[in-house]
Amino acid sequence: MADDNQTNPGANGAQGDQPQVQFSLQRIYVKDLSFESPKSPDIFQTQWNPQVNLDLNTRHSQLQEGIHEVVLSLSATVTNGQDDVSFIAEVQQAGIFAINGLDEAAMRHTLGAFCPNILFPYAREAIDNLVLRGSFPPLMLAPVNFDALYAQAEQRRAQEGTGQA
């Protein structure tokens, strides 16, 4: 039976023609973590009316052939009232991924959207834990659509490449 699969290219989906796609998560880790509460303890004496500003960024690098590091950076700045910064919580959540067999466009999408989707729940939990340890109410960040963000970035990149504004 094993010989039949090797001699019949249709049985294996023409494996010989295309490299097999491989994806595995090697490690998830915190690369950097920071919490600042510049107005403590005075901020705990005021009416709590928070305004949240969230900055999100991703970057990736190739560590070696087929091994990539993806870093998701989240920075939450919470103000109370006008310009009183209650706290700043930042995390760089990283992962090492083994990825092989993808064409260039699929690799960009995987590194720019799929991997950050995997990292986001860990980053969100890290931010929430930091905020709680700072004695503030929980900051449960809403899910992020990395596929949509990636599509927007690709569209901007294409427009810049053609010289459109």
N, C-alpha and C. Protein backbone atom coordinates (compact mmCIF):
# COMPACT_ATOMS: atom_id res chain seq x y z
N MET A 1 0.82 -1.19 0.00
CA MET A 1 0.00 0.00 0.00
C MET A 1 0.87 1.26 0.00
N ALA A 2 1.97 1.24 0.74
CA ALA A 2 2.85 2.39 0.76
C ALA A 2 3.46 2.62 -0.61
N ASP A 3 3.75 1.54 -1.36
CA ASP A 3 4.30 1.69 -2.71
C ASP A 3 3.30 2.36 -3.63
N ASP A 4 2.01 2.08 -3.45
CA ASP A 4 0.99 2.70 -4.29
C ASP A 4 0.99 4.20 -4.13
N ASN A 5 1.13 4.69 -2.92
CA ASN A 5 1.13 6.12 -2.68
C ASN A 5 2.35 6.79 -3.29
N GLN A 6 3.48 6.11 -3.32
CA GLN A 6 4.69 6.71 -3.87
C GLN A 6 4.68 6.74 -5.39
N THR A 7 4.02 5.76 -6.01
CA THR A 7 4.04 5.71 -7.47
C THR A 7 2.88 6.46 -8.09
N ASN A 8 1.86 6.76 -7.34
CA ASN A 8 0.70 7.46 -7.85
C ASN A 8 0.75 8.91 -7.39
N PRO A 9 1.21 9.83 -8.28
CA PRO A 9 1.36 11.23 -7.83
C PRO A 9 0.07 11.86 -7.39
N GLY A 10 -1.06 11.46 -7.91
CA GLY A 10 -2.33 12.03 -7.51
C GLY A 10 -2.70 11.68 -6.09
N ALA A 11 -2.20 10.57 -5.56
CA ALA A 11 -2.53 10.13 -4.21
C ALA A 11 -1.94 11.05 -3.16
N ASN A 12 -0.81 11.67 -3.46
CA ASN A 12 -0.17 12.54 -2.49
C ASN A 12 -0.36 14.01 -2.83
N GLY A 13 -1.21 14.33 -3.75
CA GLY A 13 -1.42 15.73 -4.11
C GLY A 13 -0.23 16.33 -4.80
N ALA A 14 0.51 15.53 -5.58
CA ALA A 14 1.67 15.99 -6.34
C ALA A 14 2.70 16.63 -5.42
N GLN A 15 3.07 15.89 -4.39
CA GLN A 15 4.04 16.41 -3.42
C GLN A 15 5.37 16.75 -4.05
N GLY A 16 5.76 16.03 -5.05
CA GLY A 16 7.06 16.26 -5.67
C GLY A 16 7.15 17.59 -6.38
N ASP A 17 6.03 18.16 -6.80
CA ASP A 17 6.04 19.40 -7.55
C ASP A 17 6.19 20.63 -6.66
N GLN A 18 5.67 20.60 -5.45
CA GLN A 18 5.69 21.76 -4.58
C GLN A 18 6.31 21.36 -3.23
N PRO A 19 7.06 22.30 -2.63
CA PRO A 19 7.57 22.00 -1.30
C PRO A 19 6.41 21.91 -0.30
N GLN A 20 6.56 21.06 0.66
CA GLN A 20 5.52 20.90 1.67
C GLN A 20 5.59 22.06 2.66
N VAL A 21 4.44 22.66 2.96
CA VAL A 21 4.38 23.77 3.90
C VAL A 21 4.53 23.21 5.31
N GLN A 22 5.43 23.83 6.05
CA GLN A 22 5.65 23.44 7.44
C GLN A 22 5.56 24.69 8.31
N PHE A 23 4.83 24.58 9.41
CA PHE A 23 4.68 25.68 10.36
C PHE A 23 4.66 25.09 11.75
N SER A 24 5.53 25.59 12.60
CA SER A 24 5.48 25.17 14.00
C SER A 24 5.93 26.30 14.90
N LEU A 25 5.30 26.37 16.02
CA LEU A 25 5.63 27.36 17.04
C LEU A 25 6.73 26.76 17.92
N GLN A 26 7.86 27.44 17.98
CA GLN A 26 8.99 26.95 18.76
C GLN A 26 8.97 27.46 20.20
N ARG A 27 8.61 28.75 20.36
CA ARG A 27 8.65 29.36 21.69
C ARG A 27 7.87 30.66 21.69
N ILE A 28 7.21 30.95 22.81
CA ILE A 28 6.57 32.25 23.04
C ILE A 28 7.19 32.82 24.31
N TYR A 29 7.58 34.09 24.26
CA TYR A 29 8.25 34.68 25.42
C TYR A 29 8.04 36.19 25.45
N VAL A 30 8.24 36.76 26.62
CA VAL A 30 8.19 38.21 26.79
C VAL A 30 9.60 38.74 26.54
N LYS A 31 9.70 39.65 25.59
CA LYS A 31 10.98 40.25 25.24
C LYS A 31 11.25 41.49 26.08
N ASP A 32 10.18 42.26 26.35
CA ASP A 32 10.31 43.47 27.15
C ASP A 32 8.97 43.74 27.82
N LEU A 33 9.02 44.28 29.04
CA LEU A 33 7.81 44.53 29.82
C LEU A 33 8.05 45.78 30.65
N SER A 34 7.06 46.70 30.66
CA SER A 34 7.24 47.95 31.38
C SER A 34 5.91 48.45 31.91
N PHE A 35 5.95 49.02 33.11
CA PHE A 35 4.77 49.66 33.70
C PHE A 35 5.22 50.91 34.42
N GLU A 36 4.54 52.03 34.14
CA GLU A 36 4.83 53.29 34.82
C GLU A 36 3.52 53.90 35.29
N SER A 37 3.53 54.42 36.51
CA SER A 37 2.39 55.14 37.04
C SER A 37 2.92 56.44 37.65
N PRO A 38 3.14 57.45 36.80
CA PRO A 38 3.84 58.67 37.24
C PRO A 38 3.07 59.51 38.25
N LYS A 39 1.77 59.37 38.34
CA LYS A 39 0.97 60.20 39.26
C LYS A 39 0.59 59.45 40.54
N SER A 40 1.16 58.28 40.76
CA SER A 40 0.85 57.54 41.99
C SER A 40 1.48 58.24 43.18
N PRO A 41 0.89 58.25 44.31
CA PRO A 41 -0.41 57.70 44.68
C PRO A 41 -1.56 58.69 44.48
N ASP A 42 -1.25 59.90 44.03
CA ASP A 42 -2.30 60.92 43.90
C ASP A 42 -3.43 60.48 42.96
N ILE A 43 -3.11 59.71 41.94
CA ILE A 43 -4.12 59.31 40.96
C ILE A 43 -5.23 58.47 41.60
N PHE A 44 -4.92 57.80 42.71
CA PHE A 44 -5.92 56.97 43.38
C PHE A 44 -6.92 57.79 44.20
N GLN A 45 -6.65 59.08 44.35
CA GLN A 45 -7.52 59.97 45.10
C GLN A 45 -8.51 60.72 44.21
N THR A 46 -8.44 60.51 42.90
CA THR A 46 -9.29 61.25 41.97
C THR A 46 -10.39 60.37 41.39
N GLN A 47 -11.40 61.01 40.82
CA GLN A 47 -12.48 60.31 40.13
C GLN A 47 -11.88 59.56 38.93
N TRP A 48 -12.24 58.30 38.76
CA TRP A 48 -11.67 57.48 37.69
C TRP A 48 -12.50 57.62 36.42
N ASN A 49 -11.93 58.29 35.42
CA ASN A 49 -12.57 58.48 34.12
C ASN A 49 -11.52 58.25 33.04
N PRO A 50 -11.16 56.98 32.79
CA PRO A 50 -10.00 56.69 31.93
C PRO A 50 -10.26 56.88 30.44
N GLN A 51 -9.23 57.32 29.76
CA GLN A 51 -9.18 57.37 28.30
C GLN A 51 -7.98 56.53 27.89
N VAL A 52 -8.22 55.53 27.04
CA VAL A 52 -7.17 54.57 26.68
C VAL A 52 -6.69 54.86 25.27
N ASN A 53 -5.37 54.93 25.12
CA ASN A 53 -4.74 55.02 23.81
C ASN A 53 -3.85 53.79 23.66
N LEU A 54 -4.09 53.01 22.61
CA LEU A 54 -3.34 51.78 22.38
C LEU A 54 -2.52 51.91 21.11
N ASP A 55 -1.22 51.68 21.23
CA ASP A 55 -0.33 51.62 20.07
C ASP A 55 0.07 50.16 19.89
N LEU A 56 0.02 49.72 18.64
CA LEU A 56 0.31 48.33 18.33
C LEU A 56 1.26 48.30 17.15
N ASN A 57 2.25 47.42 17.21
CA ASN A 57 3.22 47.31 16.14
C ASN A 57 3.73 45.88 16.08
N THR A 58 4.12 45.45 14.89
CA THR A 58 4.74 44.13 14.74
C THR A 58 6.03 44.29 13.94
N ARG A 59 6.93 43.39 14.20
CA ARG A 59 8.16 43.31 13.40
C ARG A 59 8.60 41.86 13.39
N HIS A 60 9.39 41.52 12.44
CA HIS A 60 9.89 40.15 12.36
C HIS A 60 11.29 40.15 11.78
N SER A 61 12.01 39.10 12.10
CA SER A 61 13.35 38.92 11.56
C SER A 61 13.61 37.44 11.37
N GLN A 62 14.47 37.15 10.42
CA GLN A 62 14.84 35.76 10.18
C GLN A 62 16.07 35.45 11.03
N LEU A 63 15.95 34.46 11.90
CA LEU A 63 17.05 34.07 12.78
C LEU A 63 18.02 33.15 12.06
N GLN A 64 17.47 32.26 11.26
CA GLN A 64 18.24 31.37 10.41
C GLN A 64 17.28 30.83 9.36
N GLU A 65 17.77 30.04 8.45
CA GLU A 65 16.91 29.53 7.37
C GLU A 65 15.69 28.82 7.95
N GLY A 66 14.49 29.35 7.64
CA GLY A 66 13.25 28.73 8.08
C GLY A 66 12.84 29.03 9.51
N ILE A 67 13.62 29.82 10.24
CA ILE A 67 13.31 30.16 11.64
C ILE A 67 13.18 31.68 11.75
N HIS A 68 12.02 32.12 12.25
CA HIS A 68 11.71 33.55 12.30
C HIS A 68 11.27 33.95 13.70
N GLU A 69 11.69 35.16 14.09
CA GLU A 69 11.19 35.76 15.32
C GLU A 69 10.17 36.82 14.93
N VAL A 70 9.00 36.78 15.56
CA VAL A 70 7.97 37.80 15.37
C VAL A 70 7.75 38.46 16.72
N VAL A 71 7.74 39.80 16.73
CA VAL A 71 7.56 40.56 17.96
C VAL A 71 6.33 41.45 17.81
N LEU A 72 5.39 41.29 18.73
CA LEU A 72 4.20 42.11 18.80
C LEU A 72 4.39 43.08 19.96
N SER A 73 4.37 44.38 19.65
CA SER A 73 4.54 45.41 20.68
C SER A 73 3.20 46.08 20.94
N LEU A 74 2.81 46.12 22.21
CA LEU A 74 1.60 46.82 22.63
C LEU A 74 2.00 47.86 23.67
N SER A 75 1.46 49.06 23.52
CA SER A 75 1.68 50.11 24.49
C SER A 75 0.35 50.77 24.79
N ALA A 76 -0.10 50.65 26.03
CA ALA A 76 -1.36 51.24 26.47
C ALA A 76 -1.05 52.43 27.37
N THR A 77 -1.49 53.61 26.94
CA THR A 77 -1.35 54.82 27.74
C THR A 77 -2.75 55.22 28.18
N VAL A 78 -2.94 55.28 29.48
CA VAL A 78 -4.25 55.61 30.03
C VAL A 78 -4.15 56.94 30.76
N THR A 79 -5.03 57.86 30.35
CA THR A 79 -5.08 59.16 30.99
C THR A 79 -6.39 59.26 31.76
N ASN A 80 -6.38 60.12 32.75
CA ASN A 80 -7.57 60.37 33.57
C ASN A 80 -7.85 61.86 33.49
N GLY A 81 -8.86 62.21 32.72
CA GLY A 81 -9.14 63.63 32.53
C GLY A 81 -8.35 64.16 31.36
N GLN A 82 -7.80 65.35 31.52
CA GLN A 82 -7.10 66.03 30.43
C GLN A 82 -5.82 65.31 30.02
N ASP A 83 -4.73 65.67 30.62
CA ASP A 83 -3.43 65.13 30.24
C ASP A 83 -2.75 64.38 31.37
N ASP A 84 -3.50 64.04 32.40
CA ASP A 84 -2.91 63.33 33.53
C ASP A 84 -2.73 61.86 33.16
N VAL A 85 -1.49 61.46 32.93
CA VAL A 85 -1.21 60.06 32.58
C VAL A 85 -1.34 59.23 33.86
N SER A 86 -2.31 58.35 33.85
CA SER A 86 -2.51 57.45 35.00
C SER A 86 -1.46 56.36 34.99
N PHE A 87 -1.31 55.71 33.83
CA PHE A 87 -0.28 54.68 33.70
C PHE A 87 0.03 54.41 32.24
N ILE A 88 1.21 53.83 32.05
CA ILE A 88 1.65 53.35 30.75
C ILE A 88 2.07 51.90 30.94
N ALA A 89 1.46 51.01 30.20
CA ALA A 89 1.81 49.59 30.25
C ALA A 89 2.27 49.16 28.87
N GLU A 90 3.45 48.56 28.80
CA GLU A 90 4.01 48.16 27.52
C GLU A 90 4.52 46.73 27.59
N VAL A 91 4.33 46.02 26.49
CA VAL A 91 4.86 44.66 26.39
C VAL A 91 5.34 44.41 24.97
N GLN A 92 6.43 43.70 24.86
CA GLN A 92 6.88 43.16 23.59
C GLN A 92 6.79 41.65 23.73
N GLN A 93 5.74 41.09 23.15
CA GLN A 93 5.50 39.65 23.20
C GLN A 93 6.10 39.05 21.93
N ALA A 94 6.95 38.07 22.09
CA ALA A 94 7.66 37.52 20.94
C ALA A 94 7.43 36.03 20.80
N GLY A 95 7.68 35.56 19.61
CA GLY A 95 7.59 34.14 19.34
C GLY A 95 8.61 33.73 18.30
N ILE A 96 9.06 32.50 18.40
CA ILE A 96 9.95 31.93 17.39
C ILE A 96 9.14 30.89 16.64
N PHE A 97 9.13 31.03 15.32
CA PHE A 97 8.32 30.18 14.47
C PHE A 97 9.20 29.52 13.41
N ALA A 98 9.00 28.24 13.20
CA ALA A 98 9.66 27.52 12.11
C ALA A 98 8.66 27.48 10.95
N ILE A 99 9.04 28.09 9.83
CA ILE A 99 8.14 28.21 8.68
C ILE A 99 8.93 27.87 7.42
N ASN A 100 8.43 26.92 6.66
CA ASN A 100 9.07 26.53 5.40
C ASN A 100 8.01 26.23 4.35
N GLY A 101 8.39 26.39 3.10
CA GLY A 101 7.55 25.98 1.99
C GLY A 101 6.53 27.00 1.54
N LEU A 102 6.65 28.25 1.97
CA LEU A 102 5.70 29.28 1.55
C LEU A 102 6.34 30.19 0.50
N ASP A 103 5.52 30.67 -0.45
CA ASP A 103 6.03 31.66 -1.38
C ASP A 103 6.15 33.00 -0.64
N GLU A 104 6.72 33.99 -1.30
CA GLU A 104 7.01 35.27 -0.64
C GLU A 104 5.75 35.94 -0.09
N ALA A 105 4.68 35.98 -0.87
CA ALA A 105 3.45 36.65 -0.42
C ALA A 105 2.84 35.93 0.77
N ALA A 106 2.81 34.61 0.74
CA ALA A 106 2.25 33.83 1.86
C ALA A 106 3.13 33.99 3.10
N MET A 107 4.44 34.07 2.91
CA MET A 107 5.34 34.25 4.06
C MET A 107 5.10 35.63 4.69
N ARG A 108 4.96 36.67 3.88
CA ARG A 108 4.68 38.01 4.43
C ARG A 108 3.38 38.01 5.22
N HIS A 109 2.35 37.36 4.69
CA HIS A 109 1.05 37.30 5.39
C HIS A 109 1.18 36.51 6.70
N THR A 110 1.90 35.41 6.66
CA THR A 110 2.07 34.59 7.86
C THR A 110 2.79 35.37 8.95
N LEU A 111 3.88 36.05 8.57
CA LEU A 111 4.67 36.82 9.55
C LEU A 111 3.96 38.10 9.98
N GLY A 112 3.16 38.68 9.09
CA GLY A 112 2.51 39.96 9.39
C GLY A 112 1.13 39.86 10.01
N ALA A 113 0.47 38.70 9.90
CA ALA A 113 -0.90 38.59 10.42
C ALA A 113 -1.11 37.31 11.23
N PHE A 114 -0.73 36.17 10.67
CA PHE A 114 -1.01 34.91 11.34
C PHE A 114 -0.25 34.78 12.66
N CYS A 115 1.05 35.04 12.64
CA CYS A 115 1.85 34.94 13.87
C CYS A 115 1.43 35.97 14.92
N PRO A 116 1.20 37.25 14.56
CA PRO A 116 0.70 38.19 15.57
C PRO A 116 -0.63 37.77 16.18
N ASN A 117 -1.50 37.11 15.40
CA ASN A 117 -2.74 36.58 15.95
C ASN A 117 -2.47 35.57 17.06
N ILE A 118 -1.45 34.79 16.90
CA ILE A 118 -1.08 33.81 17.92
C ILE A 118 -0.54 34.51 19.16
N LEU A 119 0.25 35.56 18.97
CA LEU A 119 0.90 36.25 20.09
C LEU A 119 -0.03 37.17 20.88
N PHE A 120 -1.07 37.70 20.22
CA PHE A 120 -1.91 38.72 20.86
C PHE A 120 -2.53 38.29 22.19
N PRO A 121 -3.11 37.11 22.33
CA PRO A 121 -3.69 36.76 23.64
C PRO A 121 -2.66 36.78 24.78
N TYR A 122 -1.43 36.41 24.49
CA TYR A 122 -0.38 36.45 25.51
C TYR A 122 -0.03 37.89 25.87
N ALA A 123 0.06 38.76 24.86
CA ALA A 123 0.35 40.18 25.11
C ALA A 123 -0.78 40.83 25.88
N ARG A 124 -2.01 40.50 25.51
CA ARG A 124 -3.18 41.08 26.19
C ARG A 124 -3.19 40.66 27.66
N GLU A 125 -2.88 39.42 27.93
CA GLU A 125 -2.84 38.95 29.32
C GLU A 125 -1.72 39.64 30.09
N ALA A 126 -0.56 39.83 29.46
CA ALA A 126 0.56 40.49 30.13
C ALA A 126 0.19 41.94 30.50
N ILE A 127 -0.45 42.65 29.57
CA ILE A 127 -0.88 44.03 29.85
C ILE A 127 -1.88 44.05 31.00
N ASP A 128 -2.85 43.16 30.95
CA ASP A 128 -3.88 43.11 32.00
C ASP A 128 -3.25 42.83 33.37
N ASN A 129 -2.30 41.90 33.43
CA ASN A 129 -1.63 41.59 34.70
C ASN A 129 -0.83 42.78 35.22
N LEU A 130 -0.16 43.49 34.32
CA LEU A 130 0.59 44.67 34.74
C LEU A 130 -0.33 45.71 35.36
N VAL A 131 -1.45 45.96 34.69
CA VAL A 131 -2.39 46.97 35.16
C VAL A 131 -2.95 46.59 36.53
N LEU A 132 -3.31 45.34 36.70
CA LEU A 132 -3.83 44.88 38.00
C LEU A 132 -2.78 45.01 39.10
N ARG A 133 -1.54 44.70 38.78
CA ARG A 133 -0.47 44.83 39.78
C ARG A 133 -0.20 46.29 40.15
N GLY A 134 -0.56 47.19 39.24
CA GLY A 134 -0.44 48.62 39.52
C GLY A 134 -1.62 49.15 40.31
N SER A 135 -2.57 48.27 40.67
CA SER A 135 -3.74 48.60 41.47
C SER A 135 -4.78 49.41 40.70
N PHE A 136 -4.84 49.19 39.39
CA PHE A 136 -5.85 49.83 38.56
C PHE A 136 -6.87 48.79 38.14
N PRO A 137 -8.05 49.23 37.69
CA PRO A 137 -9.05 48.28 37.19
C PRO A 137 -8.50 47.52 35.97
N PRO A 138 -8.98 46.32 35.74
CA PRO A 138 -8.49 45.52 34.61
C PRO A 138 -8.63 46.26 33.28
N LEU A 139 -7.70 46.01 32.40
CA LEU A 139 -7.72 46.60 31.07
C LEU A 139 -7.77 45.44 30.07
N MET A 140 -8.99 45.02 29.77
CA MET A 140 -9.17 43.91 28.83
C MET A 140 -9.25 44.49 27.41
N LEU A 141 -8.18 44.32 26.67
CA LEU A 141 -8.12 44.85 25.31
C LEU A 141 -9.01 44.03 24.38
N ALA A 142 -9.68 44.72 23.48
CA ALA A 142 -10.54 44.06 22.50
C ALA A 142 -9.68 43.28 21.50
N PRO A 143 -10.24 42.23 20.92
CA PRO A 143 -9.49 41.49 19.88
C PRO A 143 -9.10 42.42 18.73
N VAL A 144 -8.02 42.06 18.07
CA VAL A 144 -7.50 42.84 16.95
C VAL A 144 -7.56 41.97 15.70
N ASN A 145 -8.02 42.55 14.59
CA ASN A 145 -8.08 41.85 13.32
C ASN A 145 -6.76 42.10 12.57
N PHE A 146 -5.78 41.23 12.79
CA PHE A 146 -4.48 41.40 12.17
C PHE A 146 -4.53 41.20 10.66
N ASP A 147 -5.49 40.39 10.18
CA ASP A 147 -5.63 40.21 8.74
C ASP A 147 -6.02 41.53 8.08
N ALA A 148 -6.95 42.26 8.69
CA ALA A 148 -7.36 43.56 8.14
C ALA A 148 -6.22 44.57 8.23
N LEU A 149 -5.50 44.59 9.33
CA LEU A 149 -4.36 45.51 9.47
C LEU A 149 -3.29 45.19 8.44
N TYR A 150 -3.05 43.90 8.22
CA TYR A 150 -2.06 43.49 7.23
C TYR A 150 -2.49 43.92 5.83
N ALA A 151 -3.78 43.72 5.51
CA ALA A 151 -4.30 44.11 4.19
C ALA A 151 -4.15 45.62 3.98
N GLN A 152 -4.42 46.41 5.01
CA GLN A 152 -4.26 47.86 4.91
C GLN A 152 -2.79 48.24 4.67
N ALA A 153 -1.90 47.57 5.39
CA ALA A 153 -0.47 47.85 5.24
C ALA A 153 0.01 47.47 3.84
N GLU A 154 -0.47 46.35 3.32
CA GLU A 154 -0.10 45.93 1.96
C GLU A 154 -0.64 46.92 0.93
N GLN A 155 -1.84 47.42 1.14
CA GLN A 155 -2.42 48.39 0.22
C GLN A 155 -1.60 49.69 0.23
N ARG A 156 -1.21 50.14 1.42
CA ARG A 156 -0.36 51.35 1.52
C ARG A 156 0.98 51.11 0.83
N ARG A 157 1.53 49.93 1.03
CA ARG A 157 2.82 49.60 0.44
C ARG A 157 2.72 49.59 -1.09
N ALA A 158 1.62 49.06 -1.62
CA ALA A 158 1.41 49.03 -3.06
C ALA A 158 1.25 50.44 -3.61
N GLN A 159 0.51 51.29 -2.88
CA GLN A 159 0.31 52.67 -3.33
C GLN A 159 1.63 53.45 -3.31
N GLU A 160 2.44 53.23 -2.30
CA GLU A 160 3.74 53.91 -2.23
C GLU A 160 4.65 53.43 -3.35
N GLY A 161 4.53 52.16 -3.71
CA GLY A 161 5.34 51.61 -4.79
C GLY A 161 4.98 52.17 -6.15
N THR A 162 3.71 52.55 -6.32
CA THR A 162 3.27 53.12 -7.60
C THR A 162 3.28 54.64 -7.58
N GLY A 163 3.62 55.24 -6.45
CA GLY A 163 3.70 56.69 -6.34
C GLY A 163 2.37 57.36 -6.10
N GLN A 164 1.32 56.57 -5.76
CA GLN A 164 0.02 57.17 -5.48
C GLN A 164 0.01 57.70 -4.05
N ALA A 165 -0.81 58.70 -3.80
CA ALA A 165 -0.90 59.28 -2.45
C ALA A 165 -1.92 58.54 -1.64
